[in-house]
C-alpha atoms as a PDB file:
ATOM      1  CA  MET A   1      34.388   8.783  16.809  1.00  0.00           C
ATOM      2  CA  THR A   2      31.340   7.675  14.822  1.00  0.00           C
ATOM      3  CA  LEU A   3      30.379   4.033  15.004  1.00  0.00           C
ATOM      4  CA  ARG A   4      27.888   2.920  12.396  1.00  0.00           C
ATOM      5  CA  PHE A   5      26.669  -0.322  10.915  1.00  0.00           C
ATOM      6  CA  ASP A   6      24.084  -0.030   8.187  1.00  0.00           C
ATOM      7  CA  LEU A   7      22.939  -2.160   5.305  1.00  0.00           C
ATOM      8  CA  PRO A   8      25.631  -3.924   3.243  1.00  0.00           C
ATOM      9  CA  GLU A   9      27.788  -1.303   1.564  1.00  0.00           C
ATOM     10  CA  ASP A  10      27.041  -2.209  -2.024  1.00  0.00           C
ATOM     11  CA  ASN A  11      27.600   0.493  -4.574  1.00  0.00           C
ATOM     12  CA  PHE A  12      24.758   1.687  -6.737  1.00  0.00           C
ATOM     13  CA  ALA A  13      25.992  -0.285  -9.755  1.00  0.00           C
ATOM     14  CA  ASP A  14      25.864  -3.579  -7.823  1.00  0.00           C
ATOM     15  CA  ILE A  15      22.310  -2.865  -6.683  1.00  0.00           C
ATOM     16  CA  LEU A  16      21.271  -2.064 -10.266  1.00  0.00           C
ATOM     17  CA  VAL A  17      22.810  -5.298 -11.539  1.00  0.00           C
ATOM     18  CA  ARG A  18      20.910  -7.325  -8.938  1.00  0.00           C
ATOM     19  CA  ALA A  19      17.716  -5.400  -9.719  1.00  0.00           C
ATOM     20  CA  PHE A  20      17.890  -6.029 -13.469  1.00  0.00           C
ATOM     21  CA  THR A  21      18.651  -9.723 -12.951  1.00  0.00           C
ATOM     22  CA  ASN A  22      15.818 -10.278 -10.473  1.00  0.00           C
ATOM     23  CA  ARG A  23      12.728 -11.395 -12.368  1.00  0.00           C
ATOM     24  CA  SER A  24      10.384 -10.792  -9.454  1.00  0.00           C
ATOM     25  CA  PHE A  25      11.549  -7.200  -9.059  1.00  0.00           C
ATOM     26  CA  LEU A  26      11.492  -6.480 -12.799  1.00  0.00           C
ATOM     27  CA  THR A  27       7.993  -7.898 -13.269  1.00  0.00           C
ATOM     28  CA  GLY A  28       6.621  -6.099 -10.233  1.00  0.00           C
ATOM     29  CA  PHE A  29       8.342  -2.849 -11.165  1.00  0.00           C
ATOM     30  CA  VAL A  30       6.995  -2.885 -14.732  1.00  0.00           C
ATOM     31  CA  ILE A  31       3.432  -3.650 -13.600  1.00  0.00           C
ATOM     32  CA  THR A  32       3.506  -1.046 -10.836  1.00  0.00           C
ATOM     33  CA  ALA A  33       5.052   1.565 -13.137  1.00  0.00           C
ATOM     34  CA  LEU A  34       2.386   0.954 -15.789  1.00  0.00           C
ATOM     35  CA  VAL A  35      -0.437   1.305 -13.252  1.00  0.00           C
ATOM     36  CA  ALA A  36       1.142   4.463 -11.845  1.00  0.00           C
ATOM     37  CA  ALA A  37       1.571   5.853 -15.377  1.00  0.00           C
ATOM     38  CA  VAL A  38      -2.090   5.195 -16.155  1.00  0.00           C
ATOM     39  CA  ALA A  39      -3.093   6.953 -12.939  1.00  0.00           C
ATOM     40  CA  ILE A  40      -0.911   9.984 -13.753  1.00  0.00           C
ATOM     41  CA  VAL A  41      -2.205  10.216 -17.329  1.00  0.00           C
ATOM     42  CA  SER A  42      -5.789  10.191 -16.019  1.00  0.00           C
ATOM     43  CA  PHE A  43      -5.153  13.595 -14.423  1.00  0.00           C
ATOM     44  CA  PHE A  44      -4.723  15.107 -17.891  1.00  0.00           C
ATOM     45  CA  TRP A  45      -6.547  12.816 -20.330  1.00  0.00           C
ATOM     46  CA  THR A  46      -9.084   9.997 -20.523  1.00  0.00           C
ATOM     47  CA  PRO A  47     -10.730   8.696 -23.709  1.00  0.00           C
ATOM     48  CA  PHE A  48     -14.158   9.762 -22.398  1.00  0.00           C
ATOM     49  CA  ASP A  49     -15.533  11.926 -19.606  1.00  0.00           C
ATOM     50  CA  VAL A  50     -16.233   9.546 -16.717  1.00  0.00           C
ATOM     51  CA  THR A  51     -18.957  11.800 -15.287  1.00  0.00           C
ATOM     52  CA  ARG A  52     -20.939  12.039 -18.521  1.00  0.00           C
ATOM     53  CA  LEU A  53     -23.919   9.667 -18.836  1.00  0.00           C
ATOM     54  CA  ILE A  54     -24.808   8.426 -22.323  1.00  0.00           C
ATOM     55  CA  ILE A  55     -27.760   6.108 -21.802  1.00  0.00           C
ATOM     56  CA  ALA A  56     -27.947   5.292 -25.516  1.00  0.00           C
ATOM     57  CA  ASP A  57     -24.500   3.617 -25.246  1.00  0.00           C
ATOM     58  CA  LYS A  58     -25.205   1.577 -22.108  1.00  0.00           C
ATOM     59  CA  THR A  59     -23.759  -1.950 -21.689  1.00  0.00           C
ATOM     60  CA  GLN A  60     -21.943  -1.945 -25.015  1.00  0.00           C
ATOM     61  CA  ALA A  61     -19.474  -4.790 -25.477  1.00  0.00           C
ATOM     62  CA  PRO A  62     -15.747  -4.046 -25.903  1.00  0.00           C
ATOM     63  CA  SER A  63     -15.085  -2.489 -29.293  1.00  0.00           C
ATOM     64  CA  PRO A  64     -12.562  -0.199 -31.031  1.00  0.00           C
ATOM     65  CA  ALA A  65     -14.559   2.778 -29.746  1.00  0.00           C
ATOM     66  CA  HIS A  66     -14.799   1.465 -26.173  1.00  0.00           C
ATOM     67  CA  TRP A  67     -11.897  -0.901 -25.495  1.00  0.00           C
ATOM     68  CA  PHE A  68     -13.387  -2.304 -22.282  1.00  0.00           C
ATOM     69  CA  GLY A  69     -17.032  -1.674 -23.143  1.00  0.00           C
ATOM     70  CA  THR A  70     -19.474   0.614 -21.327  1.00  0.00           C
ATOM     71  CA  ASP A  71     -21.436   0.341 -18.096  1.00  0.00           C
ATOM     72  CA  HIS A  72     -25.163   0.622 -17.401  1.00  0.00           C
ATOM     73  CA  PHE A  73     -24.961   4.421 -17.677  1.00  0.00           C
ATOM     74  CA  GLY A  74     -23.035   4.406 -20.957  1.00  0.00           C
ATOM     75  CA  ARG A  75     -19.738   5.432 -19.345  1.00  0.00           C
ATOM     76  CA  ASP A  76     -16.495   4.154 -20.852  1.00  0.00           C
ATOM     77  CA  ILE A  77     -15.083   1.461 -18.559  1.00  0.00           C
ATOM     78  CA  PHE A  78     -11.473   1.963 -19.678  1.00  0.00           C
ATOM     79  CA  SER A  79     -11.684   5.649 -18.724  1.00  0.00           C
ATOM     80  CA  MET A  80     -13.268   4.712 -15.388  1.00  0.00           C
ATOM     81  CA  ILE A  81     -10.474   2.232 -14.660  1.00  0.00           C
ATOM     82  CA  MET A  82      -7.900   4.941 -15.391  1.00  0.00           C
ATOM     83  CA  VAL A  83      -9.518   7.347 -12.917  1.00  0.00           C
ATOM     84  CA  GLY A  84     -10.157   4.508 -10.472  1.00  0.00           C
ATOM     85  CA  ALA A  85      -6.427   3.715 -10.478  1.00  0.00           C
ATOM     86  CA  ARG A  86      -5.732   7.298  -9.453  1.00  0.00           C
ATOM     87  CA  ASN A  87      -8.198   7.145  -6.570  1.00  0.00           C
ATOM     88  CA  SER A  88      -7.083   3.709  -5.348  1.00  0.00           C
ATOM     89  CA  ILE A  89      -3.387   4.604  -5.415  1.00  0.00           C
ATOM     90  CA  ALA A  90      -3.989   7.932  -3.663  1.00  0.00           C
ATOM     91  CA  VAL A  91      -6.007   6.343  -0.863  1.00  0.00           C
ATOM     92  CA  ALA A  92      -3.556   3.455  -0.354  1.00  0.00           C
ATOM     93  CA  LEU A  93      -0.466   5.688  -0.548  1.00  0.00           C
ATOM     94  CA  VAL A  94      -1.695   8.185   2.040  1.00  0.00           C
ATOM     95  CA  ALA A  95      -2.957   5.386   4.309  1.00  0.00           C
ATOM     96  CA  VAL A  96       0.445   3.650   4.172  1.00  0.00           C
ATOM     97  CA  GLY A  97       2.125   6.989   4.865  1.00  0.00           C
ATOM     98  CA  ILE A  98      -0.026   7.431   7.963  1.00  0.00           C
ATOM     99  CA  GLY A  99       0.704   3.918   9.168  1.00  0.00           C
ATOM    100  CA  MET A 100       4.434   4.206   8.571  1.00  0.00           C
ATOM    101  CA  GLY A 101       4.743   7.762   9.891  1.00  0.00           C
ATOM    102  CA  VAL A 102       3.085   6.880  13.194  1.00  0.00           C
ATOM    103  CA  GLY A 103       3.786   3.157  13.545  1.00  0.00           C
ATOM    104  CA  VAL A 104       7.550   3.147  12.920  1.00  0.00           C
ATOM    105  CA  PRO A 105       8.341   5.728  15.621  1.00  0.00           C
ATOM    106  CA  LEU A 106       6.078   3.881  18.063  1.00  0.00           C
ATOM    107  CA  GLY A 107       7.749   0.544  17.329  1.00  0.00           C
ATOM    108  CA  ALA A 108      11.227   2.033  17.568  1.00  0.00           C
ATOM    109  CA  LEU A 109      10.306   3.732  20.846  1.00  0.00           C
ATOM    110  CA  ALA A 110       8.966   0.486  22.293  1.00  0.00           C
ATOM    111  CA  ALA A 111      12.156  -1.383  21.372  1.00  0.00           C
ATOM    112  CA  ALA A 112      14.440   1.352  22.687  1.00  0.00           C
ATOM    113  CA  ARG A 113      12.665   1.994  25.996  1.00  0.00           C
ATOM    114  CA  GLY A 114      11.355  -1.466  26.836  1.00  0.00           C
ATOM    115  CA  GLY A 115       9.531  -2.100  30.090  1.00  0.00           C
ATOM    116  CA  ILE A 116       6.235  -0.346  30.651  1.00  0.00           C
ATOM    117  CA  VAL A 117       6.582   1.740  27.472  1.00  0.00           C
ATOM    118  CA  ASP A 118       6.981  -1.384  25.359  1.00  0.00           C
ATOM    119  CA  GLU A 119       4.040  -3.035  27.106  1.00  0.00           C
ATOM    120  CA  ALA A 120       1.831   0.015  26.658  1.00  0.00           C
ATOM    121  CA  VAL A 121       2.593   0.307  22.931  1.00  0.00           C
ATOM    122  CA  MET A 122       1.956  -3.370  22.313  1.00  0.00           C
ATOM    123  CA  ARG A 123      -1.347  -3.369  24.213  1.00  0.00           C
ATOM    124  CA  LEU A 124      -2.418  -0.293  22.269  1.00  0.00           C
ATOM    125  CA  ASN A 125      -1.578  -2.184  19.086  1.00  0.00           C
ATOM    126  CA  ASP A 126      -3.721  -5.098  20.224  1.00  0.00           C
ATOM    127  CA  LEU A 127      -6.592  -2.691  20.855  1.00  0.00           C
ATOM    128  CA  VAL A 128      -6.361  -1.230  17.339  1.00  0.00           C
ATOM    129  CA  PHE A 129      -6.103  -4.717  15.815  1.00  0.00           C
ATOM    130  CA  ALA A 130      -9.428  -5.548  17.477  1.00  0.00           C
ATOM    131  CA  PHE A 131     -11.102  -3.119  15.039  1.00  0.00           C
ATOM    132  CA  PRO A 132     -10.483  -4.106  11.388  1.00  0.00           C
ATOM    133  CA  ALA A 133     -10.367  -1.415   8.708  1.00  0.00           C
ATOM    134  CA  LEU A 134     -13.925  -2.152   7.606  1.00  0.00           C
ATOM    135  CA  LEU A 135     -15.310  -1.872  11.128  1.00  0.00           C
ATOM    136  CA  SER A 136     -13.294   1.300  11.734  1.00  0.00           C
ATOM    137  CA  ALA A 137     -14.640   2.743   8.487  1.00  0.00           C
ATOM    138  CA  ILE A 138     -18.204   1.953   9.530  1.00  0.00           C
ATOM    139  CA  MET A 139     -17.703   3.732  12.849  1.00  0.00           C
ATOM    140  CA  ILE A 140     -16.006   6.728  11.223  1.00  0.00           C
ATOM    141  CA  THR A 141     -18.606   7.074   8.478  1.00  0.00           C
ATOM    142  CA  ALA A 142     -21.397   6.795  11.040  1.00  0.00           C
ATOM    143  CA  ILE A 143     -20.008  10.006  12.552  1.00  0.00           C
ATOM    144  CA  PHE A 144     -18.592  11.906   9.581  1.00  0.00           C
ATOM    145  CA  GLY A 145     -20.269  10.240   6.591  1.00  0.00           C
ATOM    146  CA  PRO A 146     -18.792   8.082   3.783  1.00  0.00           C
ATOM    147  CA  GLY A 147     -15.977   9.285   1.548  1.00  0.00           C
ATOM    148  CA  ALA A 148     -12.400   8.740   0.407  1.00  0.00           C
ATOM    149  CA  LEU A 149     -10.969  10.782   3.301  1.00  0.00           C
ATOM    150  CA  ASN A 150     -12.661   8.604   5.903  1.00  0.00           C
ATOM    151  CA  ALA A 151     -11.476   5.485   4.058  1.00  0.00           C
ATOM    152  CA  ILE A 152      -7.918   6.833   4.246  1.00  0.00           C
ATOM    153  CA  ILE A 153      -8.267   7.428   7.988  1.00  0.00           C
ATOM    154  CA  ALA A 154      -9.683   3.951   8.610  1.00  0.00           C
ATOM    155  CA  ILE A 155      -7.012   2.139   6.570  1.00  0.00           C
ATOM    156  CA  GLY A 156      -4.264   4.357   7.978  1.00  0.00           C
ATOM    157  CA  ILE A 157      -5.283   3.624  11.576  1.00  0.00           C
ATOM    158  CA  PHE A 158      -5.246  -0.106  10.840  1.00  0.00           C
ATOM    159  CA  ASN A 159      -1.739   0.208   9.317  1.00  0.00           C
ATOM    160  CA  ILE A 160      -0.246   1.845  12.421  1.00  0.00           C
ATOM    161  CA  PRO A 161       0.052  -1.323  14.574  1.00  0.00           C
ATOM    162  CA  VAL A 162       1.321  -3.306  11.579  1.00  0.00           C
ATOM    163  CA  PHE A 163       4.306  -1.003  11.075  1.00  0.00           C
ATOM    164  CA  ALA A 164       4.777  -0.641  14.827  1.00  0.00           C
ATOM    165  CA  ARG A 165       5.170  -4.401  15.237  1.00  0.00           C
ATOM    166  CA  VAL A 166       7.505  -4.731  12.257  1.00  0.00           C
ATOM    167  CA  ALA A 167       9.668  -1.844  13.440  1.00  0.00           C
ATOM    168  CA  ARG A 168       9.741  -3.155  17.014  1.00  0.00           C
ATOM    169  CA  ALA A 169      10.669  -6.699  15.959  1.00  0.00           C
ATOM    170  CA  GLY A 170      13.418  -5.461  13.655  1.00  0.00           C
ATOM    171  CA  ALA A 171      14.778  -3.038  16.248  1.00  0.00           C
ATOM    172  CA  LEU A 172      14.821  -5.666  19.001  1.00  0.00           C
ATOM    173  CA  ALA A 173      17.010  -7.824  16.775  1.00  0.00           C
ATOM    174  CA  ILE A 174      19.445  -4.920  16.309  1.00  0.00           C
ATOM    175  CA  TRP A 175      19.767  -3.612  19.884  1.00  0.00           C
ATOM    176  CA  PRO A 176      21.823  -6.553  21.286  1.00  0.00           C
ATOM    177  CA  ARG A 177      24.415  -6.264  18.472  1.00  0.00           C
ATOM    178  CA  GLU A 178      27.998  -5.337  19.256  1.00  0.00           C
ATOM    179  CA  PHE A 179      28.029  -2.084  17.295  1.00  0.00           C
ATOM    180  CA  ILE A 180      25.055  -0.858  19.340  1.00  0.00           C
ATOM    181  CA  LEU A 181      26.923  -1.642  22.558  1.00  0.00           C
ATOM    182  CA  ALA A 182      29.920   0.204  21.166  1.00  0.00           C
ATOM    183  CA  ALA A 183      27.764   3.223  20.323  1.00  0.00           C
ATOM    184  CA  ARG A 184      26.346   3.266  23.853  1.00  0.00           C
ATOM    185  CA  ALA A 185      29.844   3.019  25.278  1.00  0.00           C
ATOM    186  CA  ALA A 186      30.761   6.038  23.154  1.00  0.00           C
ATOM    187  CA  GLY A 187      28.112   8.041  25.016  1.00  0.00           C
ATOM    188  CA  LYS A 188      25.292   8.073  22.475  1.00  0.00           C
ATOM    189  CA  GLY A 189      21.735   8.164  23.774  1.00  0.00           C
ATOM    190  CA  LYS A 190      18.987   5.779  22.763  1.00  0.00           C
ATOM    191  CA  ALA A 191      17.286   8.311  20.493  1.00  0.00           C
ATOM    192  CA  LEU A 192      20.487   9.001  18.534  1.00  0.00           C
ATOM    193  CA  ILE A 193      21.324   5.318  18.308  1.00  0.00           C
ATOM    194  CA  THR A 194      17.825   4.594  16.986  1.00  0.00           C
ATOM    195  CA  VAL A 195      18.132   7.223  14.264  1.00  0.00           C
ATOM    196  CA  GLU A 196      21.751   6.555  13.271  1.00  0.00           C
ATOM    197  CA  HIS A 197      22.024   2.787  13.666  1.00  0.00           C
ATOM    198  CA  VAL A 198      18.721   0.995  14.239  1.00  0.00           C
ATOM    199  CA  LEU A 199      16.448   2.524  11.610  1.00  0.00           C
ATOM    200  CA  PRO A 200      18.959   2.193   8.724  1.00  0.00           C
ATOM    201  CA  ASN A 201      19.236  -1.514   9.509  1.00  0.00           C
ATOM    202  CA  ILE A 202      15.487  -2.159   9.365  1.00  0.00           C
ATOM    203  CA  VAL A 203      14.772  -0.088   6.270  1.00  0.00           C
ATOM    204  CA  THR A 204      14.522  -3.235   4.130  1.00  0.00           C
ATOM    205  CA  LEU A 205      11.856  -4.672   6.416  1.00  0.00           C
ATOM    206  CA  LEU A 206       9.928  -1.417   6.261  1.00  0.00           C
ATOM    207  CA  LEU A 207      10.155  -1.152   2.467  1.00  0.00           C
ATOM    208  CA  VAL A 208       8.901  -4.690   1.968  1.00  0.00           C
ATOM    209  CA  GLN A 209       6.125  -4.225   4.505  1.00  0.00           C
ATOM    210  CA  GLY A 210       5.253  -0.936   2.836  1.00  0.00           C
ATOM    211  CA  THR A 211       4.670  -2.616  -0.528  1.00  0.00           C
ATOM    212  CA  ILE A 212       2.561  -5.307   1.159  1.00  0.00           C
ATOM    213  CA  GLN A 213       0.444  -2.742   2.990  1.00  0.00           C
ATOM    214  CA  PHE A 214       0.141  -0.713  -0.216  1.00  0.00           C
ATOM    215  CA  ALA A 215      -1.363  -3.744  -1.944  1.00  0.00           C
ATOM    216  CA  LEU A 216      -3.627  -4.432   1.027  1.00  0.00           C
ATOM    217  CA  GLY A 217      -4.606  -0.751   1.056  1.00  0.00           C
ATOM    218  CA  ILE A 218      -5.791  -0.998  -2.548  1.00  0.00           C
ATOM    219  CA  LEU A 219      -7.809  -4.106  -1.644  1.00  0.00           C
ATOM    220  CA  ALA A 220      -9.227  -2.361   1.430  1.00  0.00           C
ATOM    221  CA  GLU A 221     -10.204   0.727  -0.580  1.00  0.00           C
ATOM    222  CA  ALA A 222     -11.928  -1.484  -3.149  1.00  0.00           C
ATOM    223  CA  GLY A 223     -13.756  -3.324  -0.363  1.00  0.00           C
ATOM    224  CA  LEU A 224     -14.873  -0.115   1.334  1.00  0.00           C
ATOM    225  CA  SER A 225     -16.055   1.351  -1.975  1.00  0.00           C
ATOM    226  CA  TYR A 226     -17.874  -1.892  -2.724  1.00  0.00           C
ATOM    227  CA  VAL A 227     -20.011  -1.459   0.406  1.00  0.00           C
ATOM    228  CA  GLY A 228     -20.448   2.268  -0.225  1.00  0.00           C
ATOM    229  CA  LEU A 229     -17.990   3.604   2.384  1.00  0.00           C
ATOM    230  CA  GLY A 230     -15.093   4.609   0.124  1.00  0.00           C
ATOM    231  CA  THR A 231     -14.866   6.868  -2.919  1.00  0.00           C
ATOM    232  CA  GLN A 232     -18.310   8.238  -3.680  1.00  0.00           C
ATOM    233  CA  PRO A 233     -20.022   8.699  -7.073  1.00  0.00           C
ATOM    234  CA  PRO A 234     -19.635  10.261  -9.538  1.00  0.00           C
ATOM    235  CA  MET A 235     -15.890   9.568  -9.072  1.00  0.00           C
ATOM    236  CA  PRO A 236     -15.129   6.003 -10.224  1.00  0.00           C
ATOM    237  CA  SER A 237     -13.668   3.384  -7.919  1.00  0.00           C
ATOM    238  CA  TRP A 238     -12.715  -0.171  -8.770  1.00  0.00           C
ATOM    239  CA  GLY A 239     -14.710  -1.506  -5.826  1.00  0.00           C
ATOM    240  CA  ARG A 240     -17.791   0.543  -6.735  1.00  0.00           C
ATOM    241  CA  MET A 241     -17.537  -0.681 -10.327  1.00  0.00           C
ATOM    242  CA  LEU A 242     -17.646  -4.279  -9.061  1.00  0.00           C
ATOM    243  CA  PHE A 243     -20.702  -3.445  -6.951  1.00  0.00           C
ATOM    244  CA  ASP A 244     -22.497  -1.961  -9.964  1.00  0.00           C
ATOM    245  CA  ALA A 245     -21.618  -5.025 -12.045  1.00  0.00           C
ATOM    246  CA  GLN A 246     -22.828  -7.710  -9.652  1.00  0.00           C
ATOM    247  CA  THR A 247     -26.446  -7.645 -10.892  1.00  0.00           C
ATOM    248  CA  ARG A 248     -25.460  -7.436 -14.564  1.00  0.00           C
ATOM    249  CA  MET A 249     -23.035 -10.329 -14.910  1.00  0.00           C
ATOM    250  CA  GLY A 250     -25.277 -12.099 -17.407  1.00  0.00           C
ATOM    251  CA  VAL A 251     -25.810  -9.000 -19.540  1.00  0.00           C
ATOM    252  CA  ALA A 252     -22.457  -7.207 -19.336  1.00  0.00           C
ATOM    253  CA  PRO A 253     -19.769  -9.422 -17.730  1.00  0.00           C
ATOM    254  CA  TRP A 254     -17.054  -6.983 -18.837  1.00  0.00           C
ATOM    255  CA  MET A 255     -18.310  -4.561 -16.194  1.00  0.00           C
ATOM    256  CA  ALA A 256     -16.861  -6.911 -13.550  1.00  0.00           C
ATOM    257  CA  ILE A 257     -14.035  -8.576 -15.473  1.00  0.00           C
ATOM    258  CA  PHE A 258     -11.930  -5.500 -16.212  1.00  0.00           C
ATOM    259  CA  PRO A 259     -12.117  -3.779 -12.787  1.00  0.00           C
ATOM    260  CA  GLY A 260     -11.430  -7.145 -11.158  1.00  0.00           C
ATOM    261  CA  MET A 261      -8.413  -7.690 -13.401  1.00  0.00           C
ATOM    262  CA  ALA A 262      -7.165  -4.192 -12.560  1.00  0.00           C
ATOM    263  CA  ILE A 263      -7.237  -5.004  -8.843  1.00  0.00           C
ATOM    264  CA  VAL A 264      -5.581  -8.415  -9.297  1.00  0.00           C
ATOM    265  CA  VAL A 265      -2.808  -7.131 -11.575  1.00  0.00           C
ATOM    266  CA  THR A 266      -2.023  -4.139  -9.347  1.00  0.00           C
ATOM    267  CA  VAL A 267      -1.862  -6.203  -6.152  1.00  0.00           C
ATOM    268  CA  LEU A 268       0.222  -8.873  -7.895  1.00  0.00           C
ATOM    269  CA  GLY A 269       2.666  -6.254  -9.162  1.00  0.00           C
ATOM    270  CA  LEU A 270       3.112  -4.722  -5.721  1.00  0.00           C
ATOM    271  CA  ASN A 271       3.665  -8.114  -4.082  1.00  0.00           C
ATOM    272  CA  LEU A 272       6.257  -9.080  -6.702  1.00  0.00           C
ATOM    273  CA  LEU A 273       7.941  -5.704  -6.234  1.00  0.00           C
ATOM    274  CA  GLY A 274       8.139  -6.259  -2.478  1.00  0.00           C
ATOM    275  CA  ASP A 275       9.646  -9.731  -2.927  1.00  0.00           C
ATOM    276  CA  GLY A 276      12.166  -8.317  -5.375  1.00  0.00           C
ATOM    277  CA  ILE A 277      13.205  -5.518  -3.029  1.00  0.00           C
ATOM    278  CA  ALA A 278      13.743  -8.064  -0.249  1.00  0.00           C
ATOM    279  CA  ASP A 279      15.924 -10.204  -2.535  1.00  0.00           C
ATOM    280  CA  ILE A 280      17.993  -7.229  -3.711  1.00  0.00           C
ATOM    281  CA  LEU A 281      18.631  -5.530  -0.375  1.00  0.00           C
ATOM    282  CA  ASP A 282      18.741  -8.497   2.022  1.00  0.00           C
ATOM    283  CA  PRO A 283      21.747 -10.795   1.473  1.00  0.00           C
ATOM    284  CA  LYS A 284      20.321 -13.448   3.821  1.00  0.00           C
ATOM    285  CA  SER A 285      17.111 -13.563   1.803  1.00  0.00           C
ATOM    286  CA  ARG A 286      19.084 -14.016  -1.418  1.00  0.00           C
ATOM    287  CA  ARG A 287      21.103 -16.897   0.034  1.00  0.00           C
ATOM    288  CA  GLN A 288      18.022 -18.658   1.397  1.00  0.00           C
ATOM    289  CA  ARG A 289      16.291 -18.487  -1.971  1.00  0.00           C
END
């Protein structure tokens, strides 16, 4: 006999109806999809070559030829933002994958085992939290040198305790439930119960946290690139573009305005998407709002 209690058993049509009537989800989805589409297109086409320097065209204002203007090396800023979107999304996505892939099993293990295992996992989390992503990146780059890969490692390590705590908190709320007791009475072990019953019931928490960490990952990548520890030239990065623009605000303000807007819009879209997912999949959240 299989005992199972997962998320509310809404059919796909009901979920779609709620999705298309949720303004937060729709807005976030459209913004995120547009940014992702721009990043994908940049693999195959950009208006100009982002590695080509045309000094004669430096610091040109936005125009029909250069929609967002050019930088101090004559590079097209719109093309750089397209490629920068690709780099930022790749770094944040892999870093979130690392955090979720390691943190969720650790959090679920801590909730299932309890006792000294739970204590050990939580103290390890506290230790990792003592080293922010920027400090971790500085230590990593001091050993291996700056680069996108080291930024991914630093952000990913910082994400591990975040997902571990979310998974542990969600799992601890599930373990005392009656259907878990029934599953244990049926002879199921803790590992099987975690996979079949606990994880499906915390998937909403993990999805929402994933979108939040994705947004924070993009901010972290921009911050690391701003201080020279992230994506390295000649590949564009939104954070590096802001660094290059800081001494030219009076001459070419568009060098800072458009990369800054790209960061703000992307993070806003991801946060709205996360709120929308929570509203759609969590009945309690919908009732409270």
